Amino acid sequence: MARIAENREPAQPVSAEQKERYARILRAAARLGSEHGSDRMQMNDVAKEAGVAIATLYRYFPSKNDLFVGLMNSQVHNLAAAPAITAGRLPSEAVADVLVEASRKLLERPLLATAMLHANNSAQLSVGREGSMASRAFHVVLYRALNLTDPNPQDQRLVRLIEQAWYGVLVSVLNDVITFEECEDDIRLSARLLLGPTYDLTPELPL
C-alpha cells in the first residue's frame, strides 16, 4: 500500500552523515526520475537505490512532489555555484546565457525536467507570493546576472516575468511544440524585450 504523504515541513540535513545520505537520495531520484518520470517512479525504489530506510526518505521528503522540488533546488544551487560570465555582455544577454544553459541541462533528461517543473509549479501554488524554495534561489542567480545586489520591487517583478516566460518556453520544448534551437531564440528574444529596456541602457557620455 502506498504511503500517504504527510503535510509537514521537510527535515533538513545537518551533520555530514545526514548530508551525504540526503545527496544519495537526490542522486537516486534523479536517475529514476530520468528513466520513469514522476508517475512511474516509486518512493520505495528511491529509498532502496539510495540505501536508506523509507522512513528516512519521508523525513526529508514527505511526498514525491517534495522530492522533485528538492531536485529542482539542487539544480538551481549547482547553477548558482557556476561562475557568472558577464564580461562584455549586456545584462539581458547575461540573463539569457544563464537561462539557455539551464535549459540545456534540464532538457538532457526530459522526463525528469517535466517532473521537476510540475512539482515546482505545485509548490508555488501552495506557498503563494513567497515562491518556492527553488524559485527564490533561481531569482538570486538572475539578480547576479543583472548585477543587482539590492533588487527593488520593479526588479523583482521583471525577474518573475522572465522566469515565467522561460517556464513557458521549456514546456513548449518538452511538449515537442518547438525545437531547442527555437527555444534558445525565444529565450534570448524574451530577455531582450523584457529586460533590455531597463538594464541594457548605458549612461550618456557628457558632451
C-alpha atoms as a PDB file:
ATOM      1  CA  MET A   1       0.000   0.000   0.000  1.00  0.00           C
ATOM      2  CA  ALA A   2       1.345   3.437  -0.941  1.00  0.00           C
ATOM      3  CA  ARG A   3       2.164   5.682   1.956  1.00  0.00           C
ATOM      4  CA  ILE A   4       0.032   8.813   2.349  1.00  0.00           C
ATOM      5  CA  ALA A   5       2.230  11.894   2.235  1.00  0.00           C
ATOM      6  CA  GLU A   6       2.358  13.914   5.429  1.00  0.00           C
ATOM      7  CA  ASN A   7       1.546  17.611   5.397  1.00  0.00           C
ATOM      8  CA  ARG A   8       4.651  18.896   7.166  1.00  0.00           C
ATOM      9  CA  GLU A   9       7.871  20.750   6.509  1.00  0.00           C
ATOM     10  CA  PRO A  10      10.717  18.507   5.266  1.00  0.00           C
ATOM     11  CA  ALA A  11      13.608  17.973   7.666  1.00  0.00           C
ATOM     12  CA  GLN A  12      16.960  19.464   6.669  1.00  0.00           C
ATOM     13  CA  PRO A  13      20.249  17.540   6.901  1.00  0.00           C
ATOM     14  CA  VAL A  14      22.668  18.934   9.468  1.00  0.00           C
ATOM     15  CA  SER A  15      25.524  16.521  10.078  1.00  0.00           C
ATOM     16  CA  ALA A  16      27.988  15.364   7.419  1.00  0.00           C
ATOM     17  CA  GLU A  17      26.432  11.900   7.528  1.00  0.00           C
ATOM     18  CA  GLN A  18      22.936  13.309   7.016  1.00  0.00           C
ATOM     19  CA  LYS A  19      24.093  15.497   4.120  1.00  0.00           C
ATOM     20  CA  GLU A  20      25.732  12.515   2.437  1.00  0.00           C
ATOM     21  CA  ARG A  21      22.550  10.474   2.872  1.00  0.00           C
ATOM     22  CA  TYR A  22      20.498  13.378   1.506  1.00  0.00           C
ATOM     23  CA  ALA A  23      22.767  13.617  -1.552  1.00  0.00           C
ATOM     24  CA  ARG A  24      22.396   9.869  -2.187  1.00  0.00           C
ATOM     25  CA  ILE A  25      18.628  10.259  -2.148  1.00  0.00           C
ATOM     26  CA  LEU A  26      18.782  13.077  -4.692  1.00  0.00           C
ATOM     27  CA  ARG A  27      21.114  11.105  -6.971  1.00  0.00           C
ATOM     28  CA  ALA A  28      18.829   8.081  -6.841  1.00  0.00           C
ATOM     29  CA  ALA A  29      15.742  10.205  -7.502  1.00  0.00           C
ATOM     30  CA  ALA A  30      17.445  11.944 -10.429  1.00  0.00           C
ATOM     31  CA  ARG A  31      18.339   8.640 -12.066  1.00  0.00           C
ATOM     32  CA  LEU A  32      14.961   7.014 -11.501  1.00  0.00           C
ATOM     33  CA  GLY A  33      13.081  10.184 -12.391  1.00  0.00           C
ATOM     34  CA  SER A  34      15.056  10.444 -15.633  1.00  0.00           C
ATOM     35  CA  GLU A  35      14.107   6.884 -16.510  1.00  0.00           C
ATOM     36  CA  HIS A  36      10.492   6.741 -15.317  1.00  0.00           C
ATOM     37  CA  GLY A  37       9.218  10.272 -14.811  1.00  0.00           C
ATOM     38  CA  SER A  38       7.052  11.210 -11.851  1.00  0.00           C
ATOM     39  CA  ASP A  39       4.116   8.849 -12.344  1.00  0.00           C
ATOM     40  CA  ARG A  40       6.117   5.633 -12.584  1.00  0.00           C
ATOM     41  CA  MET A  41       8.854   6.450 -10.097  1.00  0.00           C
ATOM     42  CA  GLN A  42       8.218   4.808  -6.732  1.00  0.00           C
ATOM     43  CA  MET A  43       9.468   6.209  -3.424  1.00  0.00           C
ATOM     44  CA  ASN A  44      10.353   2.693  -2.244  1.00  0.00           C
ATOM     45  CA  ASP A  45      12.657   2.292  -5.248  1.00  0.00           C
ATOM     46  CA  VAL A  46      14.351   5.615  -4.464  1.00  0.00           C
ATOM     47  CA  ALA A  47      14.968   4.563  -0.860  1.00  0.00           C
ATOM     48  CA  LYS A  48      16.310   1.183  -1.959  1.00  0.00           C
ATOM     49  CA  GLU A  49      18.696   2.641  -4.545  1.00  0.00           C
ATOM     50  CA  ALA A  50      19.875   5.336  -2.116  1.00  0.00           C
ATOM     51  CA  GLY A  51      20.463   2.721   0.585  1.00  0.00           C
ATOM     52  CA  VAL A  52      18.255   4.436   3.173  1.00  0.00           C
ATOM     53  CA  ALA A  53      15.203   3.388   5.154  1.00  0.00           C
ATOM     54  CA  ILE A  54      11.881   4.520   3.700  1.00  0.00           C
ATOM     55  CA  ALA A  55      11.244   6.446   6.923  1.00  0.00           C
ATOM     56  CA  THR A  56      14.451   8.398   6.333  1.00  0.00           C
ATOM     57  CA  LEU A  57      13.368   9.270   2.803  1.00  0.00           C
ATOM     58  CA  TYR A  58       9.986  10.544   4.027  1.00  0.00           C
ATOM     59  CA  ARG A  59      11.618  12.540   6.819  1.00  0.00           C
ATOM     60  CA  TYR A  60      13.494  14.629   4.255  1.00  0.00           C
ATOM     61  CA  PHE A  61      10.859  14.437   1.518  1.00  0.00           C
ATOM     62  CA  PRO A  62       7.303  13.913   2.865  1.00  0.00           C
ATOM     63  CA  SER A  63       5.954  13.479  -0.673  1.00  0.00           C
ATOM     64  CA  LYS A  64       7.148  12.719  -4.178  1.00  0.00           C
ATOM     65  CA  ASN A  65       6.398  16.340  -5.013  1.00  0.00           C
ATOM     66  CA  ASP A  66       8.785  17.469  -2.244  1.00  0.00           C
ATOM     67  CA  LEU A  67      11.430  15.163  -3.677  1.00  0.00           C
ATOM     68  CA  PHE A  68      11.228  16.676  -7.157  1.00  0.00           C
ATOM     69  CA  VAL A  69      11.239  20.196  -5.703  1.00  0.00           C
ATOM     70  CA  GLY A  70      14.383  19.185  -3.810  1.00  0.00           C
ATOM     71  CA  LEU A  71      15.911  18.039  -7.080  1.00  0.00           C
ATOM     72  CA  MET A  72      14.981  21.321  -8.746  1.00  0.00           C
ATOM     73  CA  ASN A  73      16.535  23.218  -5.857  1.00  0.00           C
ATOM     74  CA  SER A  74      19.765  21.228  -6.148  1.00  0.00           C
ATOM     75  CA  GLN A  75      19.904  22.034  -9.883  1.00  0.00           C
ATOM     76  CA  VAL A  76      19.494  25.731  -9.137  1.00  0.00           C
ATOM     77  CA  HIS A  77      22.242  25.659  -6.498  1.00  0.00           C
ATOM     78  CA  ASN A  78      24.576  23.975  -8.992  1.00  0.00           C
ATOM     79  CA  LEU A  79      23.759  26.798 -11.390  1.00  0.00           C
ATOM     80  CA  ALA A  80      24.435  29.372  -8.668  1.00  0.00           C
ATOM     81  CA  ALA A  81      27.807  27.796  -7.930  1.00  0.00           C
ATOM     82  CA  ALA A  82      28.959  28.242 -11.528  1.00  0.00           C
ATOM     83  CA  PRO A  83      30.918  31.426 -12.247  1.00  0.00           C
ATOM     84  CA  ALA A  84      28.827  34.131 -13.884  1.00  0.00           C
ATOM     85  CA  ILE A  85      30.101  35.076 -17.338  1.00  0.00           C
ATOM     86  CA  THR A  86      29.109  38.711 -17.701  1.00  0.00           C
ATOM     87  CA  ALA A  87      32.249  40.353 -19.133  1.00  0.00           C
ATOM     88  CA  GLY A  88      31.378  42.079 -22.371  1.00  0.00           C
ATOM     89  CA  ARG A  89      27.732  41.020 -22.126  1.00  0.00           C
ATOM     90  CA  LEU A  90      24.729  43.275 -21.762  1.00  0.00           C
ATOM     91  CA  PRO A  91      22.666  42.409 -18.657  1.00  0.00           C
ATOM     92  CA  SER A  92      19.818  40.965 -20.734  1.00  0.00           C
ATOM     93  CA  GLU A  93      22.342  38.829 -22.650  1.00  0.00           C
ATOM     94  CA  ALA A  94      23.885  37.591 -19.394  1.00  0.00           C
ATOM     95  CA  VAL A  95      20.461  36.501 -18.147  1.00  0.00           C
ATOM     96  CA  ALA A  96      19.707  34.828 -21.482  1.00  0.00           C
ATOM     97  CA  ASP A  97      23.020  32.946 -21.257  1.00  0.00           C
ATOM     98  CA  VAL A  98      22.059  31.638 -17.797  1.00  0.00           C
ATOM     99  CA  LEU A  99      18.598  30.581 -18.981  1.00  0.00           C
ATOM    100  CA  VAL A 100      19.866  28.883 -22.135  1.00  0.00           C
ATOM    101  CA  GLU A 101      22.476  26.915 -20.165  1.00  0.00           C
ATOM    102  CA  ALA A 102      19.886  25.932 -17.539  1.00  0.00           C
ATOM    103  CA  SER A 103      17.550  24.823 -20.342  1.00  0.00           C
ATOM    104  CA  ARG A 104      20.260  22.753 -21.958  1.00  0.00           C
ATOM    105  CA  LYS A 105      20.960  20.883 -18.726  1.00  0.00           C
ATOM    106  CA  LEU A 106      17.278  20.333 -17.897  1.00  0.00           C
ATOM    107  CA  LEU A 107      16.355  19.119 -21.365  1.00  0.00           C
ATOM    108  CA  GLU A 108      19.076  16.474 -21.335  1.00  0.00           C
ATOM    109  CA  ARG A 109      16.606  14.500 -19.169  1.00  0.00           C
ATOM    110  CA  PRO A 110      13.108  15.448 -20.374  1.00  0.00           C
ATOM    111  CA  LEU A 111      11.106  13.153 -18.076  1.00  0.00           C
ATOM    112  CA  LEU A 112      12.946  14.480 -15.044  1.00  0.00           C
ATOM    113  CA  ALA A 113      12.609  18.073 -16.264  1.00  0.00           C
ATOM    114  CA  THR A 114       8.846  17.658 -16.665  1.00  0.00           C
ATOM    115  CA  ALA A 115       8.526  16.186 -13.172  1.00  0.00           C
ATOM    116  CA  MET A 116      10.590  18.970 -11.593  1.00  0.00           C
ATOM    117  CA  LEU A 117       8.699  21.753 -13.365  1.00  0.00           C
ATOM    118  CA  HIS A 118       5.317  20.315 -12.388  1.00  0.00           C
ATOM    119  CA  ALA A 119       6.455  19.870  -8.788  1.00  0.00           C
ATOM    120  CA  ASN A 120       7.814  23.408  -8.613  1.00  0.00           C
ATOM    121  CA  ASN A 121       4.569  24.819 -10.023  1.00  0.00           C
ATOM    122  CA  SER A 122       2.596  22.931  -7.366  1.00  0.00           C
ATOM    123  CA  ALA A 123       4.930  24.257  -4.686  1.00  0.00           C
ATOM    124  CA  GLN A 124       4.386  27.793  -5.985  1.00  0.00           C
ATOM    125  CA  LEU A 125       0.629  27.382  -5.623  1.00  0.00           C
ATOM    126  CA  SER A 126       0.953  26.110  -2.066  1.00  0.00           C
ATOM    127  CA  VAL A 127       3.250  28.867  -0.774  1.00  0.00           C
ATOM    128  CA  GLY A 128       1.777  31.808  -2.701  1.00  0.00           C
ATOM    129  CA  ARG A 129       3.681  35.067  -3.159  1.00  0.00           C
ATOM    130  CA  GLU A 130       6.804  33.899  -1.333  1.00  0.00           C
ATOM    131  CA  GLY A 131       7.517  31.461  -4.147  1.00  0.00           C
ATOM    132  CA  SER A 132       9.030  28.003  -3.912  1.00  0.00           C
ATOM    133  CA  MET A 133      12.472  27.440  -2.438  1.00  0.00           C
ATOM    134  CA  ALA A 134      13.846  26.659  -5.907  1.00  0.00           C
ATOM    135  CA  SER A 135      12.311  29.760  -7.493  1.00  0.00           C
ATOM    136  CA  ARG A 136      13.673  32.053  -4.782  1.00  0.00           C
ATOM    137  CA  ALA A 137      17.153  30.616  -5.277  1.00  0.00           C
ATOM    138  CA  PHE A 138      16.770  30.949  -9.049  1.00  0.00           C
ATOM    139  CA  HIS A 139      15.854  34.613  -8.710  1.00  0.00           C
ATOM    140  CA  VAL A 140      19.137  35.186  -6.856  1.00  0.00           C
ATOM    141  CA  VAL A 141      21.019  33.680  -9.815  1.00  0.00           C
ATOM    142  CA  LEU A 142      19.241  36.051 -12.201  1.00  0.00           C
ATOM    143  CA  TYR A 143      19.858  39.070  -9.957  1.00  0.00           C
ATOM    144  CA  ARG A 144      23.543  38.213 -10.031  1.00  0.00           C
ATOM    145  CA  ALA A 145      23.488  38.058 -13.842  1.00  0.00           C
ATOM    146  CA  LEU A 146      21.856  41.506 -13.850  1.00  0.00           C
ATOM    147  CA  ASN A 147      24.480  42.744 -11.352  1.00  0.00           C
ATOM    148  CA  LEU A 148      21.781  43.624  -8.812  1.00  0.00           C
ATOM    149  CA  THR A 149      22.711  43.432  -5.142  1.00  0.00           C
ATOM    150  CA  ASP A 150      19.592  45.077  -3.716  1.00  0.00           C
ATOM    151  CA  PRO A 151      16.680  44.412  -6.110  1.00  0.00           C
ATOM    152  CA  ASN A 152      13.732  46.746  -5.762  1.00  0.00           C
ATOM    153  CA  PRO A 153      10.082  45.733  -6.390  1.00  0.00           C
ATOM    154  CA  GLN A 154      10.380  46.554 -10.097  1.00  0.00           C
ATOM    155  CA  ASP A 155      13.492  44.353 -10.393  1.00  0.00           C
ATOM    156  CA  GLN A 156      11.672  41.539  -8.624  1.00  0.00           C
ATOM    157  CA  ARG A 157       8.676  41.881 -10.946  1.00  0.00           C
ATOM    158  CA  LEU A 158      10.813  41.760 -14.091  1.00  0.00           C
ATOM    159  CA  VAL A 159      12.742  38.726 -12.863  1.00  0.00           C
ATOM    160  CA  ARG A 160       9.462  36.940 -12.119  1.00  0.00           C
ATOM    161  CA  LEU A 161       8.257  37.760 -15.627  1.00  0.00           C
ATOM    162  CA  ILE A 162      11.369  36.406 -17.321  1.00  0.00           C
ATOM    163  CA  GLU A 163      11.185  33.265 -15.177  1.00  0.00           C
ATOM    164  CA  GLN A 164       7.547  32.756 -16.222  1.00  0.00           C
ATOM    165  CA  ALA A 165       8.413  33.288 -19.884  1.00  0.00           C
ATOM    166  CA  TRP A 166      11.269  30.783 -19.547  1.00  0.00           C
ATOM    167  CA  TYR A 167       8.977  28.175 -17.982  1.00  0.00           C
ATOM    168  CA  GLY A 168       6.558  28.577 -20.884  1.00  0.00           C
ATOM    169  CA  VAL A 169       9.332  28.094 -23.429  1.00  0.00           C
ATOM    170  CA  LEU A 170      10.576  24.975 -21.623  1.00  0.00           C
ATOM    171  CA  VAL A 171       7.085  23.481 -21.605  1.00  0.00           C
ATOM    172  CA  SER A 172       6.833  24.090 -25.348  1.00  0.00           C
ATOM    173  CA  VAL A 173      10.065  22.157 -25.918  1.00  0.00           C
ATOM    174  CA  LEU A 174       9.004  19.317 -23.629  1.00  0.00           C
ATOM    175  CA  ASN A 175       5.693  19.075 -25.497  1.00  0.00           C
ATOM    176  CA  ASP A 176       7.536  18.976 -28.862  1.00  0.00           C
ATOM    177  CA  VAL A 177       5.951  22.252 -29.956  1.00  0.00           C
ATOM    178  CA  ILE A 178       9.325  23.883 -30.678  1.00  0.00           C
ATOM    179  CA  THR A 179      12.917  22.704 -31.118  1.00  0.00           C
ATOM    180  CA  PHE A 180      15.785  23.542 -28.782  1.00  0.00           C
ATOM    181  CA  GLU A 181      17.130  25.992 -31.368  1.00  0.00           C
ATOM    182  CA  GLU A 182      13.778  27.798 -31.341  1.00  0.00           C
ATOM    183  CA  CYS A 183      13.801  27.595 -27.534  1.00  0.00           C
ATOM    184  CA  GLU A 184      17.144  29.417 -27.412  1.00  0.00           C
ATOM    185  CA  ASP A 185      15.924  32.078 -29.841  1.00  0.00           C
ATOM    186  CA  ASP A 186      12.734  32.577 -27.795  1.00  0.00           C
ATOM    187  CA  ILE A 187      14.679  32.881 -24.553  1.00  0.00           C
ATOM    188  CA  ARG A 188      17.034  35.484 -25.984  1.00  0.00           C
ATOM    189  CA  LEU A 189      14.167  37.473 -27.502  1.00  0.00           C
ATOM    190  CA  SER A 190      12.213  37.375 -24.224  1.00  0.00           C
ATOM    191  CA  ALA A 191      15.223  38.579 -22.247  1.00  0.00           C
ATOM    192  CA  ARG A 192      15.885  41.380 -24.725  1.00  0.00           C
ATOM    193  CA  LEU A 193      12.264  42.572 -24.737  1.00  0.00           C
ATOM    194  CA  LEU A 194      11.587  42.209 -21.003  1.00  0.00           C
ATOM    195  CA  LEU A 195      14.939  43.229 -19.557  1.00  0.00           C
ATOM    196  CA  GLY A 196      16.742  45.197 -22.241  1.00  0.00           C
ATOM    197  CA  PRO A 197      14.822  48.492 -21.929  1.00  0.00           C
ATOM    198  CA  THR A 198      15.570  48.670 -18.184  1.00  0.00           C
ATOM    199  CA  TYR A 199      19.023  47.145 -17.777  1.00  0.00           C
ATOM    200  CA  ASP A 200      20.843  47.464 -21.104  1.00  0.00           C
ATOM    201  CA  LEU A 201      20.764  51.241 -21.243  1.00  0.00           C
ATOM    202  CA  THR A 202      24.211  52.787 -20.831  1.00  0.00           C
ATOM    203  CA  PRO A 203      24.724  56.215 -19.247  1.00  0.00           C
ATOM    204  CA  GLU A 204      25.060  59.006 -21.757  1.00  0.00           C
ATOM    205  CA  LEU A 205      28.535  60.402 -22.071  1.00  0.00           C
ATOM    206  CA  PRO A 206      28.954  64.081 -21.117  1.00  0.00           C
ATOM    207  CA  LEU A 207      29.189  66.476 -24.028  1.00  0.00           C
END
